[in-house]
Amino acid sequence: ISQNAWRYDEVKPHWERLILRSWTDGKLYQEGPVTAMRSPEDLMKRHGGLEVGHAMFCGTLAAIGAIRGGERFRMELEDPVLKRKLSHEYRVKVLPVEG
């Protein structure tokens, strides 16, 4: 997903400032604060904690407009307080529908 990761204790004090964005084929697809999803504390409490060295996936935001596919997907998590971003991009080969 990313070549880098952030320790939760680095972002916990300003968690509400983190912004998640994604684009499909260069068009903004999702954008909003991570507080629109369940908090890490809530998820860890519901699922028995998180072991040292493990990562947790926390869901996604609603799409802007309709849910749509594309050939290229880019995502980023921005930390405006510490002035950094995590990002990843991938391409999809869309196969023809047969039958």
Foldseek 3Di string as FASTA:
>chain_A
DFPDDDDCVVCVVPQQQKWKWKDAPNHTWDIDGPVVFDDPVVVQVVVVHDDPPDDDDTDGDHTDPDDDHHFKMKMKIADVVVGDITIDMDGDDDDDDDD
